[in-house]
Amino acid sequence: MPRQASQLPSSLLVLRNILTFLMRSPTSAFGLIVLGLLIVIAAFAPLIATHDPYAQDLANTLKAPGNGHYFGTDELGRDIFSRLVWGSRISLTIIFLVSIVVGPIGMIVGTTAGYMGGRLDTIMMRITDIFLSFPSLILSLAFVAALGPSLNNAIIAIALTAWPPIARLARAEAMTFRKADYIAAARLQGASDMRIIFKSIMPMCLPSVLIRLTLNMATVILTAAGLGFLGLGAQPPMPEWGAMIATGRRYMIDSWWLVTFPGLAILTVSLAFNLLGDGLRDALDPKQMNRR
């Protein structure tokens, strides 16, 4: 017999409630469905793509959508639809790698500074302010220029510029929680500062950081596309969406599909992350959770 809701583990019950809340909102459901489709497309790219994304067909260059090419072909006869499908893997790789770097760095820096306070807080936050004083794309350009143009270096550059907002948010949360009674009780029991930070402060900051991280992924996608457009990210012939727009811009007046479909892909994924982030913010709101 299926387990009743009351018998589910608390973590699964919370996850189910969050998913239910997200699916009730048209905007957050749209974001969740789009990102789910992106994962499916990336996972099954070899089955979904109709052509080899790198195969050139010089006899069918700049063909309009149709005739076996759903989104047309580019200046080298490569199928745009297949390149977009395989490009989803690059986008997901960037999102995943940046997330696993930015989240922990921002959490550690922010919670440590907020809990410890004093000179350590001042030093950490001034470094954070230096990073925040530059637009993320400009700072990413500087790092890629120093490291060299490539997809791996672009991911490193984006990660180095995306952690400060997470750190700022985690610090604000930590400064609130460090005055809580359960933190004072942990100190009286002899818990070390690091144990309190990792075992007590960070779990409480996780919901807010997760929301911010989701919202930041829209900026990450746009920054990656900008670096690719400028030739500093993924290098040809990799089917990265920003690089596809860069190569297609020379033909966009007569061959509109070269830039339209990659641009729509970037727009849709960025919008999905923003809508999902807004939905998560409402779903994890204590007032909303109490109503549920």
Protein backbone atom coordinates (compact mmCIF):
# COMPACT_ATOMS: atom_id res chain seq x y z
CA MET A 1 0.00 0.00 0.00
CA PRO A 2 1.27 3.55 -0.69
CA ARG A 3 2.65 5.38 2.27
CA GLN A 4 0.52 8.11 3.72
CA ALA A 5 1.78 11.71 3.66
CA SER A 6 2.27 11.63 7.43
CA GLN A 7 4.52 8.59 7.08
CA LEU A 8 6.87 10.19 4.57
CA PRO A 9 10.28 11.33 5.81
CA SER A 10 10.22 15.01 6.74
CA SER A 11 12.65 15.98 3.97
CA LEU A 12 10.54 14.27 1.30
CA LEU A 13 7.38 15.82 2.73
CA VAL A 14 8.92 19.31 2.52
CA LEU A 15 10.08 18.63 -1.03
CA ARG A 16 6.63 17.43 -2.02
CA ASN A 17 5.03 20.54 -0.52
CA ILE A 18 7.46 22.81 -2.34
CA LEU A 19 6.84 21.08 -5.69
CA THR A 20 3.09 21.25 -5.13
CA PHE A 21 3.31 24.96 -4.37
CA LEU A 22 5.46 25.59 -7.47
CA MET A 23 3.10 23.72 -9.77
CA ARG A 24 0.12 25.72 -8.51
CA SER A 25 1.68 28.94 -9.80
CA PRO A 26 1.63 29.27 -13.62
CA THR A 27 4.86 31.26 -13.71
CA SER A 28 6.92 29.04 -11.43
CA ALA A 29 5.44 25.93 -13.07
CA PHE A 30 6.59 27.30 -16.42
CA GLY A 31 10.12 27.75 -15.07
CA LEU A 32 10.16 24.27 -13.53
CA ILE A 33 8.85 22.63 -16.71
CA VAL A 34 11.31 24.47 -18.97
CA LEU A 35 14.29 23.49 -16.81
CA GLY A 36 13.00 19.93 -16.65
CA LEU A 37 12.79 19.86 -20.45
CA LEU A 38 16.30 21.30 -20.68
CA ILE A 39 17.63 18.45 -18.55
CA VAL A 40 15.76 15.86 -20.65
CA ILE A 41 16.98 17.41 -23.92
CA ALA A 42 20.57 17.47 -22.68
CA ALA A 43 20.39 13.90 -21.39
CA PHE A 44 18.94 12.51 -24.62
CA ALA A 45 20.63 14.86 -27.09
CA PRO A 46 21.92 12.02 -29.33
CA LEU A 47 18.34 10.74 -29.71
CA ILE A 48 16.64 14.13 -30.12
CA ALA A 49 19.11 15.74 -32.54
CA THR A 50 18.26 15.03 -36.16
CA HIS A 51 21.76 15.64 -37.52
CA ASP A 52 25.38 15.61 -36.45
CA PRO A 53 25.86 19.11 -34.95
CA TYR A 54 29.35 19.34 -36.44
CA ALA A 55 28.59 17.90 -39.89
CA GLN A 56 29.00 20.45 -42.67
CA ASP A 57 26.85 20.34 -45.80
CA LEU A 58 28.09 23.08 -48.11
CA ALA A 59 25.38 22.25 -50.63
CA ASN A 60 22.70 23.32 -48.12
CA THR A 61 24.07 26.48 -46.52
CA LEU A 62 21.75 29.11 -45.06
CA LYS A 63 18.62 27.06 -45.71
CA ALA A 64 15.43 28.41 -44.16
CA PRO A 65 13.55 26.29 -41.58
CA GLY A 66 11.91 23.28 -43.19
CA ASN A 67 12.97 20.61 -45.69
CA GLY A 68 14.38 18.30 -43.03
CA HIS A 69 15.95 21.13 -40.99
CA TYR A 70 13.47 22.31 -38.36
CA PHE A 71 15.39 25.52 -37.56
CA GLY A 72 17.29 25.84 -40.84
CA THR A 73 21.04 25.59 -41.46
CA ASP A 74 23.96 27.92 -40.85
CA GLU A 75 26.64 29.29 -43.17
CA LEU A 76 28.38 25.90 -43.22
CA GLY A 77 25.23 23.84 -43.73
CA ARG A 78 25.08 22.62 -40.13
CA ASP A 79 21.64 21.91 -38.68
CA ILE A 80 20.63 24.68 -36.25
CA PHE A 81 18.15 22.51 -34.33
CA SER A 82 20.75 19.82 -33.66
CA ARG A 83 23.31 22.39 -32.58
CA LEU A 84 20.82 23.92 -30.15
CA VAL A 85 20.04 20.50 -28.71
CA TRP A 86 23.71 19.68 -28.16
CA GLY A 87 24.31 23.21 -26.90
CA SER A 88 21.92 22.50 -24.02
CA ARG A 89 24.59 20.18 -22.63
CA ILE A 90 27.09 23.04 -22.60
CA SER A 91 24.61 25.31 -20.83
CA LEU A 92 23.81 22.69 -18.19
CA THR A 93 27.52 22.02 -17.68
CA ILE A 94 28.12 25.72 -17.04
CA ILE A 95 25.16 25.92 -14.65
CA PHE A 96 26.17 22.81 -12.71
CA LEU A 97 29.87 23.62 -12.37
CA VAL A 98 29.29 27.26 -11.45
CA SER A 99 26.66 26.24 -8.86
CA ILE A 100 28.87 23.71 -7.07
CA VAL A 101 31.63 26.33 -6.84
CA VAL A 102 29.66 29.49 -6.12
CA GLY A 103 27.27 28.03 -3.55
CA PRO A 104 29.87 26.64 -1.10
CA ILE A 105 32.24 29.61 -1.50
CA GLY A 106 29.49 32.16 -0.90
CA MET A 107 28.10 30.18 2.05
CA ILE A 108 31.48 29.73 3.74
CA VAL A 109 32.59 33.33 3.26
CA GLY A 110 29.24 34.84 4.24
CA THR A 111 28.43 32.69 7.27
CA THR A 112 31.98 32.89 8.63
CA ALA A 113 32.06 36.67 8.31
CA GLY A 114 28.58 37.11 9.74
CA TYR A 115 29.10 34.79 12.70
CA MET A 116 32.67 35.75 13.64
CA GLY A 117 32.30 39.49 13.12
CA GLY A 118 35.10 41.89 14.00
CA ARG A 119 38.17 42.33 11.84
CA LEU A 120 37.63 39.07 9.94
CA ASP A 121 34.17 40.25 8.90
CA THR A 122 35.57 43.59 7.77
CA ILE A 123 38.33 42.03 5.66
CA MET A 124 36.04 39.47 4.03
CA MET A 125 33.34 41.99 3.22
CA ARG A 126 35.76 44.53 1.78
CA ILE A 127 37.05 41.85 -0.59
CA THR A 128 33.45 41.02 -1.45
CA ASP A 129 32.71 44.71 -2.07
CA ILE A 130 35.63 44.92 -4.49
CA PHE A 131 34.15 42.09 -6.56
CA LEU A 132 30.67 43.62 -6.37
CA SER A 133 31.92 47.00 -7.57
CA PHE A 134 32.51 45.61 -11.08
CA PRO A 135 29.76 44.39 -13.44
CA SER A 136 29.94 40.60 -13.60
CA LEU A 137 30.46 40.51 -17.37
CA ILE A 138 33.29 43.05 -17.24
CA LEU A 139 35.03 41.18 -14.42
CA SER A 140 34.55 37.88 -16.25
CA LEU A 141 36.11 39.41 -19.35
CA ALA A 142 39.13 40.43 -17.31
CA PHE A 143 39.59 36.93 -15.88
CA VAL A 144 39.14 35.23 -19.26
CA ALA A 145 41.58 37.66 -20.86
CA ALA A 146 44.13 36.66 -18.22
CA LEU A 147 43.41 32.91 -18.41
CA GLY A 148 42.85 32.62 -22.15
CA PRO A 149 39.68 32.03 -24.20
CA SER A 150 38.11 28.60 -23.64
CA LEU A 151 34.98 27.09 -22.16
CA ASN A 152 36.77 25.87 -19.02
CA ASN A 153 38.33 29.28 -18.39
CA ALA A 154 34.97 30.95 -18.97
CA ILE A 155 33.41 28.71 -16.30
CA ILE A 156 36.23 29.58 -13.89
CA ALA A 157 35.83 33.30 -14.62
CA ILE A 158 32.05 33.20 -14.10
CA ALA A 159 32.44 31.29 -10.84
CA LEU A 160 34.99 33.82 -9.57
CA THR A 161 32.53 36.66 -10.18
CA ALA A 162 29.24 35.05 -9.11
CA TRP A 163 29.92 34.29 -5.41
CA PRO A 164 29.78 37.81 -3.83
CA PRO A 165 25.95 38.17 -3.82
CA ILE A 166 25.68 34.75 -2.18
CA ALA A 167 28.25 35.77 0.43
CA ARG A 168 26.42 39.01 1.20
CA LEU A 169 23.12 37.22 1.68
CA ALA A 170 24.66 34.46 3.81
CA ARG A 171 26.36 37.06 6.02
CA ALA A 172 23.07 38.88 6.63
CA GLU A 173 21.37 35.59 7.54
CA ALA A 174 24.25 34.53 9.81
CA MET A 175 24.21 37.84 11.70
CA THR A 176 20.56 37.17 12.51
CA PHE A 177 20.95 33.54 13.56
CA ARG A 178 24.07 34.01 15.69
CA LYS A 179 21.96 35.72 18.36
CA ALA A 180 19.49 32.83 18.56
CA ASP A 181 19.07 30.85 21.78
CA TYR A 182 20.07 27.54 20.21
CA ILE A 183 23.42 29.05 19.17
CA ALA A 184 24.02 30.22 22.75
CA ALA A 185 23.12 26.73 23.98
CA ALA A 186 25.62 25.20 21.53
CA ARG A 187 28.35 27.50 22.85
CA LEU A 188 27.56 26.51 26.45
CA GLN A 189 27.91 22.86 25.45
CA GLY A 190 31.44 23.59 24.22
CA ALA A 191 30.81 23.50 20.45
CA SER A 192 33.58 25.16 18.45
CA ASP A 193 32.92 28.13 16.18
CA MET A 194 33.48 26.05 13.04
CA ARG A 195 31.05 23.38 14.25
CA ILE A 196 28.42 26.01 14.98
CA ILE A 197 28.92 27.59 11.55
CA PHE A 198 28.74 24.32 9.61
CA LYS A 199 26.17 22.48 11.72
CA SER A 200 23.87 25.24 12.90
CA ILE A 201 24.27 28.43 10.87
CA MET A 202 24.67 27.09 7.33
CA PRO A 203 21.55 24.86 7.36
CA MET A 204 19.45 27.84 8.41
CA CYS A 205 20.92 29.98 5.62
CA LEU A 206 20.43 27.30 2.95
CA PRO A 207 16.87 28.21 1.81
CA SER A 208 17.73 31.86 1.17
CA VAL A 209 21.01 30.93 -0.53
CA LEU A 210 19.23 28.39 -2.73
CA ILE A 211 16.77 31.04 -3.89
CA ARG A 212 19.55 33.51 -4.64
CA LEU A 213 21.58 30.85 -6.43
CA THR A 214 18.62 29.99 -8.65
CA LEU A 215 18.09 33.64 -9.54
CA ASN A 216 21.83 34.03 -10.21
CA MET A 217 21.76 31.24 -12.78
CA ALA A 218 19.93 33.55 -15.19
CA THR A 219 22.87 35.95 -14.96
CA VAL A 220 25.29 33.04 -15.37
CA ILE A 221 23.60 31.96 -18.61
CA LEU A 222 23.68 35.52 -19.96
CA THR A 223 27.32 36.00 -18.97
CA ALA A 224 28.33 32.71 -20.57
CA ALA A 225 26.47 33.66 -23.73
CA GLY A 226 28.15 37.08 -23.70
CA LEU A 227 31.60 35.53 -23.39
CA GLY A 228 30.77 33.10 -26.18
CA PHE A 229 29.50 35.94 -28.35
CA LEU A 230 32.77 37.83 -27.85
CA GLY A 231 34.82 34.75 -28.69
CA LEU A 232 36.15 34.31 -25.15
CA GLY A 233 34.01 31.36 -24.08
CA ALA A 234 33.35 28.14 -25.96
CA GLN A 235 35.40 28.08 -29.13
CA PRO A 236 34.15 27.06 -32.60
CA PRO A 237 32.90 24.63 -33.70
CA MET A 238 31.31 23.95 -30.26
CA PRO A 239 27.54 24.59 -30.45
CA GLU A 240 27.37 27.12 -27.61
CA TRP A 241 24.36 29.41 -27.94
CA GLY A 242 26.23 32.71 -27.57
CA ALA A 243 28.88 31.64 -30.07
CA MET A 244 26.12 30.62 -32.50
CA ILE A 245 24.69 34.13 -32.34
CA ALA A 246 28.16 35.59 -32.93
CA THR A 247 28.72 33.57 -36.09
CA GLY A 248 25.18 34.17 -37.35
CA ARG A 249 25.07 37.94 -36.83
CA ARG A 250 26.79 38.53 -40.19
CA TYR A 251 23.87 36.89 -41.98
CA MET A 252 21.00 37.94 -39.73
CA ILE A 253 19.35 40.33 -42.20
CA ASP A 254 18.69 37.64 -44.81
CA SER A 255 18.97 34.55 -42.57
CA TRP A 256 17.09 35.57 -39.44
CA TRP A 257 16.96 32.02 -38.02
CA LEU A 258 20.70 31.98 -37.32
CA VAL A 259 20.33 34.34 -34.37
CA THR A 260 16.62 34.04 -33.57
CA PHE A 261 16.56 30.45 -32.32
CA PRO A 262 19.74 30.62 -30.18
CA GLY A 263 18.52 33.94 -28.81
CA LEU A 264 15.15 32.44 -27.91
CA ALA A 265 16.91 29.53 -26.19
CA ILE A 266 18.95 31.90 -24.03
CA LEU A 267 15.88 34.04 -23.29
CA THR A 268 13.71 31.06 -22.36
CA VAL A 269 16.24 29.44 -20.02
CA SER A 270 17.09 32.75 -18.33
CA LEU A 271 13.41 33.56 -17.86
CA ALA A 272 12.78 30.06 -16.49
CA PHE A 273 15.44 30.50 -13.81
CA ASN A 274 14.04 33.89 -12.81
CA LEU A 275 10.48 32.56 -12.57
CA LEU A 276 11.58 29.46 -10.67
CA GLY A 277 13.61 31.60 -8.26
CA ASP A 278 10.59 33.79 -7.58
CA GLY A 279 8.49 30.69 -7.01
CA LEU A 280 11.03 29.21 -4.61
CA ARG A 281 11.12 32.47 -2.68
CA ASP A 282 7.37 32.24 -2.14
CA ALA A 283 7.44 28.50 -1.47
CA LEU A 284 10.14 28.83 1.21
CA ASP A 285 8.53 31.86 2.82
CA PRO A 286 7.69 30.85 6.43
CA LYS A 287 4.31 32.58 6.19
CA GLN A 288 3.42 30.59 3.10
CA MET A 289 4.67 27.36 4.68
CA ASN A 290 2.53 27.96 7.76
CA ARG A 291 -0.53 28.40 5.53
CA ARG A 292 0.19 25.04 3.92
